[in-house]
N, C-alpha and C. Protein backbone atom coordinates (compact mmCIF):
# COMPACT_ATOMS: atom_id res chain seq x y z
N MET A 1 245.79 60.82 208.85
CA MET A 1 246.15 60.84 207.48
C MET A 1 245.15 61.65 206.69
N LEU A 2 245.58 62.48 205.77
CA LEU A 2 244.74 63.33 204.93
C LEU A 2 244.38 62.61 203.63
N ILE A 3 243.11 62.69 203.28
CA ILE A 3 242.66 62.08 202.03
C ILE A 3 242.19 63.20 201.10
N LYS A 4 242.69 63.20 199.88
CA LYS A 4 242.35 64.23 198.91
C LYS A 4 241.07 63.82 198.18
N LYS A 5 240.09 64.77 198.09
CA LYS A 5 238.85 64.51 197.37
C LYS A 5 239.09 64.61 195.88
N SER A 6 238.35 63.85 195.11
CA SER A 6 238.54 63.86 193.66
C SER A 6 237.93 65.11 193.01
N SER A 7 236.86 65.65 193.56
CA SER A 7 236.27 66.89 193.03
C SER A 7 235.65 67.67 194.17
N GLY A 8 235.32 68.90 193.91
CA GLY A 8 234.77 69.74 194.95
C GLY A 8 233.27 69.59 195.11
N THR A 9 232.63 68.83 194.25
CA THR A 9 231.18 68.67 194.34
C THR A 9 230.84 67.44 195.15
N PRO A 10 229.76 67.50 195.91
CA PRO A 10 229.38 66.32 196.69
C PRO A 10 228.88 65.21 195.77
N THR A 11 229.15 63.99 196.16
CA THR A 11 228.75 62.85 195.35
C THR A 11 227.36 62.39 195.74
N ARG A 12 226.65 61.81 194.78
CA ARG A 12 225.32 61.29 195.03
C ARG A 12 225.41 59.84 195.44
N GLY A 13 224.38 59.40 196.09
CA GLY A 13 224.30 57.98 196.42
C GLY A 13 223.98 57.16 195.17
N ARG A 14 224.04 55.88 195.29
CA ARG A 14 223.81 55.03 194.14
C ARG A 14 222.39 55.12 193.60
N LEU A 15 221.39 55.10 194.44
CA LEU A 15 220.00 55.13 194.02
C LEU A 15 219.63 56.48 193.43
N SER A 16 220.04 57.56 194.08
CA SER A 16 219.70 58.89 193.55
C SER A 16 220.42 59.15 192.24
N GLY A 17 221.57 58.57 192.03
CA GLY A 17 222.28 58.72 190.76
C GLY A 17 221.57 58.00 189.63
N MET A 18 221.00 56.86 189.91
CA MET A 18 220.27 56.13 188.87
C MET A 18 218.96 56.82 188.53
N LEU A 19 218.27 57.34 189.54
CA LEU A 19 217.00 58.02 189.29
C LEU A 19 217.18 59.36 188.59
N ALA A 20 218.29 60.00 188.78
CA ALA A 20 218.51 61.31 188.17
C ALA A 20 218.59 61.21 186.65
N GLY A 21 219.07 60.10 186.13
CA GLY A 21 219.16 59.93 184.69
C GLY A 21 217.83 59.58 184.05
N THR A 22 216.86 59.09 184.79
CA THR A 22 215.60 58.64 184.21
C THR A 22 214.48 59.64 184.36
N THR A 23 214.64 60.69 185.14
CA THR A 23 213.56 61.64 185.33
C THR A 23 213.46 62.58 184.15
N LEU A 24 212.27 63.13 183.95
CA LEU A 24 212.05 64.11 182.89
C LEU A 24 212.61 65.46 183.31
N ALA A 25 212.61 66.39 182.38
CA ALA A 25 213.09 67.74 182.70
C ALA A 25 212.19 68.34 183.77
N THR A 26 212.76 69.14 184.61
CA THR A 26 211.98 69.73 185.69
C THR A 26 211.00 70.74 185.13
N MET A 27 209.85 70.84 185.78
CA MET A 27 208.82 71.76 185.33
C MET A 27 208.42 72.62 186.52
N ASP A 28 208.41 73.92 186.32
CA ASP A 28 208.02 74.80 187.40
C ASP A 28 206.49 74.94 187.42
N ARG A 29 206.00 75.66 188.37
CA ARG A 29 204.55 75.80 188.56
C ARG A 29 203.89 76.51 187.39
N ARG A 30 204.50 77.56 186.90
CA ARG A 30 203.95 78.32 185.78
C ARG A 30 203.87 77.46 184.51
N GLY A 31 204.91 76.69 184.26
CA GLY A 31 204.92 75.81 183.10
C GLY A 31 203.86 74.73 183.20
N PHE A 32 203.68 74.19 184.40
CA PHE A 32 202.65 73.17 184.60
C PHE A 32 201.26 73.73 184.37
N LEU A 33 200.99 74.92 184.92
CA LEU A 33 199.67 75.53 184.74
C LEU A 33 199.41 75.87 183.27
N LYS A 34 200.43 76.35 182.58
CA LYS A 34 200.28 76.69 181.18
C LYS A 34 199.99 75.44 180.35
N ALA A 35 200.74 74.38 180.59
CA ALA A 35 200.55 73.14 179.83
C ALA A 35 199.20 72.50 180.14
N SER A 36 198.80 72.49 181.40
CA SER A 36 197.51 71.88 181.75
C SER A 36 196.36 72.73 181.23
N GLY A 37 196.50 74.03 181.21
CA GLY A 37 195.46 74.90 180.65
C GLY A 37 195.30 74.70 179.16
N LEU A 38 196.42 74.57 178.43
CA LEU A 38 196.34 74.31 177.00
C LEU A 38 195.72 72.95 176.72
N ALA A 39 196.08 71.96 177.51
CA ALA A 39 195.52 70.63 177.32
C ALA A 39 194.02 70.62 177.59
N ALA A 40 193.60 71.25 178.66
CA ALA A 40 192.17 71.28 178.99
C ALA A 40 191.39 72.06 177.94
N GLY A 41 191.92 73.18 177.49
CA GLY A 41 191.24 73.96 176.45
C GLY A 41 191.15 73.21 175.13
N GLY A 42 192.22 72.53 174.77
CA GLY A 42 192.20 71.74 173.54
C GLY A 42 191.21 70.60 173.60
N LEU A 43 191.14 69.92 174.73
CA LEU A 43 190.16 68.84 174.88
C LEU A 43 188.73 69.38 174.87
N ALA A 44 188.50 70.53 175.48
CA ALA A 44 187.16 71.11 175.48
C ALA A 44 186.75 71.52 174.07
N ALA A 45 187.66 72.12 173.31
CA ALA A 45 187.35 72.51 171.95
C ALA A 45 187.11 71.30 171.07
N PHE A 46 187.91 70.26 171.24
CA PHE A 46 187.75 69.05 170.45
C PHE A 46 186.44 68.35 170.80
N GLY A 47 186.06 68.38 172.06
CA GLY A 47 184.81 67.75 172.47
C GLY A 47 183.59 68.51 172.00
N ALA A 48 183.72 69.82 171.77
CA ALA A 48 182.58 70.62 171.32
C ALA A 48 182.31 70.42 169.83
N LEU A 49 183.30 69.98 169.07
CA LEU A 49 183.11 69.77 167.64
C LEU A 49 182.35 68.47 167.40
N LYS A 50 181.40 68.55 166.50
CA LYS A 50 180.66 67.37 166.09
C LYS A 50 181.02 67.07 164.64
N PRO A 51 180.95 65.86 164.22
CA PRO A 51 181.31 65.55 162.83
C PRO A 51 180.48 66.32 161.80
N ALA A 52 179.23 66.65 162.12
CA ALA A 52 178.38 67.37 161.17
C ALA A 52 178.75 68.85 161.09
N MET A 53 179.49 69.35 162.07
CA MET A 53 179.85 70.77 162.06
C MET A 53 180.93 71.08 161.04
N VAL A 54 181.79 70.15 160.77
CA VAL A 54 182.89 70.38 159.86
C VAL A 54 182.49 69.81 158.50
N ARG A 55 182.31 70.69 157.53
CA ARG A 55 181.95 70.25 156.19
C ARG A 55 182.56 71.19 155.17
N GLN A 56 182.51 70.82 153.93
CA GLN A 56 183.10 71.62 152.88
C GLN A 56 182.25 72.86 152.63
N ALA A 57 182.90 74.00 152.47
CA ALA A 57 182.19 75.24 152.21
C ALA A 57 181.71 75.28 150.77
N GLU A 58 180.50 75.77 150.57
CA GLU A 58 179.93 75.89 149.25
C GLU A 58 179.44 77.32 149.06
N ALA A 59 179.62 77.85 147.87
CA ALA A 59 179.17 79.20 147.57
C ALA A 59 177.65 79.23 147.45
N ALA A 60 177.05 80.29 147.94
CA ALA A 60 175.60 80.44 147.84
C ALA A 60 175.24 80.77 146.39
N PRO A 61 174.15 80.22 145.92
CA PRO A 61 173.77 80.51 144.53
C PRO A 61 173.32 81.96 144.38
N SER A 62 173.57 82.50 143.22
CA SER A 62 173.19 83.88 142.93
C SER A 62 171.68 83.96 142.77
N THR A 63 171.05 84.93 143.42
CA THR A 63 169.60 85.08 143.33
C THR A 63 169.19 85.89 142.11
N SER A 64 170.07 86.69 141.59
CA SER A 64 169.75 87.53 140.44
C SER A 64 170.63 87.14 139.26
N PRO A 65 170.03 86.96 138.09
CA PRO A 65 170.84 86.56 136.93
C PRO A 65 171.60 87.72 136.29
N ASN A 66 171.29 88.94 136.63
CA ASN A 66 171.93 90.09 135.98
C ASN A 66 173.05 90.70 136.81
N ILE A 67 173.85 89.86 137.48
CA ILE A 67 175.03 90.36 138.20
C ILE A 67 176.19 90.37 137.22
N VAL A 68 176.84 91.53 137.10
CA VAL A 68 177.96 91.70 136.19
C VAL A 68 179.23 91.83 137.03
N LYS A 69 180.30 91.14 136.62
CA LYS A 69 181.58 91.25 137.32
C LYS A 69 182.48 92.21 136.56
N ARG A 70 183.01 93.21 137.26
CA ARG A 70 183.88 94.20 136.65
C ARG A 70 185.20 94.26 137.41
N HIS A 71 186.29 94.37 136.66
CA HIS A 71 187.61 94.48 137.27
C HIS A 71 187.89 95.94 137.58
N ASN A 72 188.45 96.19 138.75
CA ASN A 72 188.75 97.54 139.21
C ASN A 72 190.07 97.49 139.96
N ILE A 73 190.62 98.65 140.24
CA ILE A 73 191.87 98.75 140.99
C ILE A 73 191.57 99.42 142.33
N CYS A 74 192.09 98.84 143.38
CA CYS A 74 191.92 99.39 144.73
C CYS A 74 192.64 100.73 144.81
N THR A 75 191.98 101.70 145.40
CA THR A 75 192.52 103.07 145.46
C THR A 75 193.10 103.44 146.82
N HIS A 76 193.22 102.50 147.74
CA HIS A 76 193.68 102.84 149.09
C HIS A 76 195.17 103.15 149.16
N CYS A 77 195.98 102.47 148.38
CA CYS A 77 197.41 102.73 148.44
C CYS A 77 197.98 102.66 147.03
N SER A 78 199.26 102.79 146.90
CA SER A 78 199.88 102.85 145.58
C SER A 78 200.30 101.48 145.04
N VAL A 79 199.91 100.40 145.70
CA VAL A 79 200.29 99.07 145.23
C VAL A 79 199.54 98.71 143.95
N GLY A 80 198.25 98.97 143.88
CA GLY A 80 197.47 98.71 142.68
C GLY A 80 196.90 97.32 142.61
N CYS A 81 196.39 96.82 143.71
CA CYS A 81 195.78 95.48 143.73
C CYS A 81 194.48 95.51 142.91
N THR A 82 194.18 94.38 142.27
CA THR A 82 192.99 94.29 141.45
C THR A 82 191.83 93.72 142.26
N VAL A 83 190.65 94.30 142.08
CA VAL A 83 189.44 93.88 142.77
C VAL A 83 188.39 93.55 141.72
N THR A 84 187.67 92.46 141.88
CA THR A 84 186.56 92.11 141.01
C THR A 84 185.28 92.53 141.71
N ALA A 85 184.60 93.53 141.14
CA ALA A 85 183.38 94.06 141.73
C ALA A 85 182.18 93.34 141.14
N GLU A 86 181.21 93.01 141.97
CA GLU A 86 179.95 92.42 141.52
C GLU A 86 178.91 93.52 141.50
N VAL A 87 178.41 93.81 140.31
CA VAL A 87 177.49 94.94 140.12
C VAL A 87 176.14 94.39 139.69
N GLU A 88 175.10 94.78 140.40
CA GLU A 88 173.73 94.38 140.09
C GLU A 88 172.88 95.62 139.92
N ASN A 89 172.30 95.79 138.75
CA ASN A 89 171.48 96.97 138.41
C ASN A 89 172.23 98.26 138.69
N GLU A 90 173.50 98.30 138.26
CA GLU A 90 174.39 99.46 138.42
C GLU A 90 174.66 99.81 139.88
N VAL A 91 174.53 98.84 140.79
CA VAL A 91 174.84 99.04 142.20
C VAL A 91 175.89 98.01 142.60
N TRP A 92 176.95 98.48 143.24
CA TRP A 92 178.05 97.62 143.68
C TRP A 92 177.57 96.82 144.88
N VAL A 93 177.35 95.50 144.71
CA VAL A 93 176.77 94.69 145.78
C VAL A 93 177.79 93.79 146.46
N GLY A 94 178.92 93.54 145.85
CA GLY A 94 179.91 92.67 146.46
C GLY A 94 181.24 92.78 145.75
N GLN A 95 182.25 92.15 146.32
CA GLN A 95 183.58 92.19 145.71
C GLN A 95 184.37 90.98 146.11
N GLU A 96 185.35 90.68 145.28
CA GLU A 96 186.29 89.59 145.54
C GLU A 96 187.66 90.04 145.07
N PRO A 97 188.71 89.51 145.65
CA PRO A 97 190.04 89.80 145.09
C PRO A 97 190.19 89.04 143.77
N THR A 98 190.95 89.58 142.86
CA THR A 98 191.13 88.96 141.56
C THR A 98 192.27 87.96 141.62
N TRP A 99 191.98 86.71 141.27
CA TRP A 99 192.97 85.65 141.34
C TRP A 99 194.02 85.78 140.25
N GLU A 100 193.68 86.35 139.11
CA GLU A 100 194.61 86.45 138.00
C GLU A 100 195.59 87.62 138.15
N SER A 101 195.41 88.44 139.16
CA SER A 101 196.27 89.61 139.33
C SER A 101 197.67 89.19 139.79
N PRO A 102 198.71 89.66 139.11
CA PRO A 102 200.06 89.31 139.56
C PRO A 102 200.50 90.08 140.79
N ILE A 103 199.76 91.09 141.19
CA ILE A 103 200.14 91.92 142.32
C ILE A 103 199.62 91.34 143.63
N ASN A 104 198.31 91.13 143.73
CA ASN A 104 197.75 90.65 144.99
C ASN A 104 197.47 89.16 145.01
N LEU A 105 197.56 88.47 143.90
CA LEU A 105 197.44 87.00 143.82
C LEU A 105 196.21 86.47 144.55
N GLY A 106 195.08 87.16 144.40
CA GLY A 106 193.84 86.68 144.98
C GLY A 106 193.66 86.95 146.45
N THR A 107 194.30 87.97 146.99
CA THR A 107 194.16 88.29 148.40
C THR A 107 193.72 89.74 148.57
N HIS A 108 193.20 90.03 149.73
CA HIS A 108 192.81 91.40 150.12
C HIS A 108 193.60 91.80 151.36
N CYS A 109 193.96 93.06 151.47
CA CYS A 109 194.40 93.56 152.77
C CYS A 109 193.15 94.04 153.51
N ALA A 110 193.28 94.48 154.73
CA ALA A 110 192.12 94.93 155.51
C ALA A 110 191.47 96.16 154.88
N LYS A 111 192.30 97.06 154.36
CA LYS A 111 191.74 98.25 153.72
C LYS A 111 191.06 97.90 152.40
N GLY A 112 191.65 96.98 151.65
CA GLY A 112 191.06 96.59 150.38
C GLY A 112 189.75 95.84 150.55
N ALA A 113 189.62 95.10 151.63
CA ALA A 113 188.38 94.37 151.89
C ALA A 113 187.24 95.33 152.22
N ALA A 114 187.55 96.52 152.68
CA ALA A 114 186.53 97.50 153.05
C ALA A 114 186.33 98.58 151.99
N ILE A 115 186.84 98.37 150.78
CA ILE A 115 186.76 99.42 149.76
C ILE A 115 185.32 99.73 149.36
N ARG A 116 184.45 98.74 149.36
CA ARG A 116 183.05 98.96 149.00
C ARG A 116 182.35 99.87 150.00
N GLU A 117 182.80 99.85 151.25
CA GLU A 117 182.17 100.67 152.28
C GLU A 117 182.36 102.17 152.02
N LEU A 118 183.34 102.53 151.21
CA LEU A 118 183.51 103.96 150.89
C LEU A 118 182.33 104.51 150.11
N THR A 119 181.76 103.71 149.25
CA THR A 119 180.67 104.20 148.41
C THR A 119 179.29 103.74 148.84
N HIS A 120 179.20 102.62 149.57
CA HIS A 120 177.89 102.09 149.94
C HIS A 120 177.75 101.78 151.42
N GLY A 121 178.59 102.33 152.26
CA GLY A 121 178.51 102.06 153.70
C GLY A 121 177.42 102.88 154.37
N ASP A 122 176.96 102.40 155.51
CA ASP A 122 175.93 103.12 156.26
C ASP A 122 176.48 104.36 156.95
N ARG A 123 177.77 104.37 157.25
CA ARG A 123 178.37 105.47 158.01
C ARG A 123 179.04 106.53 157.13
N ARG A 124 178.97 106.38 155.81
CA ARG A 124 179.65 107.34 154.95
C ARG A 124 178.88 108.66 154.89
N LEU A 125 179.59 109.73 154.57
CA LEU A 125 178.95 111.03 154.41
C LEU A 125 178.24 111.08 153.06
N LYS A 126 176.99 111.53 153.06
CA LYS A 126 176.22 111.60 151.82
C LYS A 126 176.03 113.03 151.35
N TYR A 127 176.45 113.99 152.16
CA TYR A 127 176.32 115.40 151.80
C TYR A 127 177.40 116.17 152.55
N PRO A 128 177.76 117.36 152.07
CA PRO A 128 178.81 118.12 152.76
C PRO A 128 178.35 118.58 154.15
N MET A 129 179.30 118.65 155.06
CA MET A 129 179.01 119.10 156.42
C MET A 129 179.63 120.47 156.65
N LYS A 130 178.98 121.28 157.47
CA LYS A 130 179.48 122.61 157.78
C LYS A 130 179.55 122.76 159.30
N LEU A 131 180.65 123.35 159.78
CA LEU A 131 180.84 123.56 161.21
C LEU A 131 180.13 124.83 161.63
N VAL A 132 179.07 124.71 162.44
CA VAL A 132 178.30 125.84 162.92
C VAL A 132 178.24 125.76 164.45
N ALA A 133 178.80 126.75 165.10
CA ALA A 133 178.80 126.85 166.56
C ALA A 133 179.40 125.60 167.21
N GLY A 134 180.46 125.08 166.63
CA GLY A 134 181.16 123.96 167.22
C GLY A 134 180.58 122.59 166.90
N LYS A 135 179.50 122.54 166.11
CA LYS A 135 178.89 121.26 165.72
C LYS A 135 178.76 121.20 164.21
N TYR A 136 178.92 119.99 163.68
CA TYR A 136 178.78 119.80 162.24
C TYR A 136 177.31 119.62 161.88
N ARG A 137 176.89 120.35 160.85
CA ARG A 137 175.50 120.25 160.36
C ARG A 137 175.51 120.10 158.84
N GLY A 138 174.46 119.46 158.33
CA GLY A 138 174.37 119.21 156.89
C GLY A 138 173.62 120.28 156.15
């Protein structure tokens, strides 16, 4: 006598059917290594932190009373972000983004953060250079 199967897939036993519903999603080797590496790194970073290391940031007090703050416009691009320059004895010593500016809202881009280096950087050109025999000379 021929018996017709109900479906083409093999059936599971009773115990394996119960365990299949309770197991977690399968994890391959790469996923396991990635998860265990993140866990170990996170625990190591958390263990390296001490309660005294994390504290509120405070601004350093100004050493000179004659620092003047002047508003300027960044010249790197056509956006027109505002920069507050700190000038001491007519020398540009520091800068901050202007919080009141409606354009940059107190932020700097990477180029704007380096605007002071154009005029006071160690690597800037201080005199014209001339190409002589394949080398630049001052």
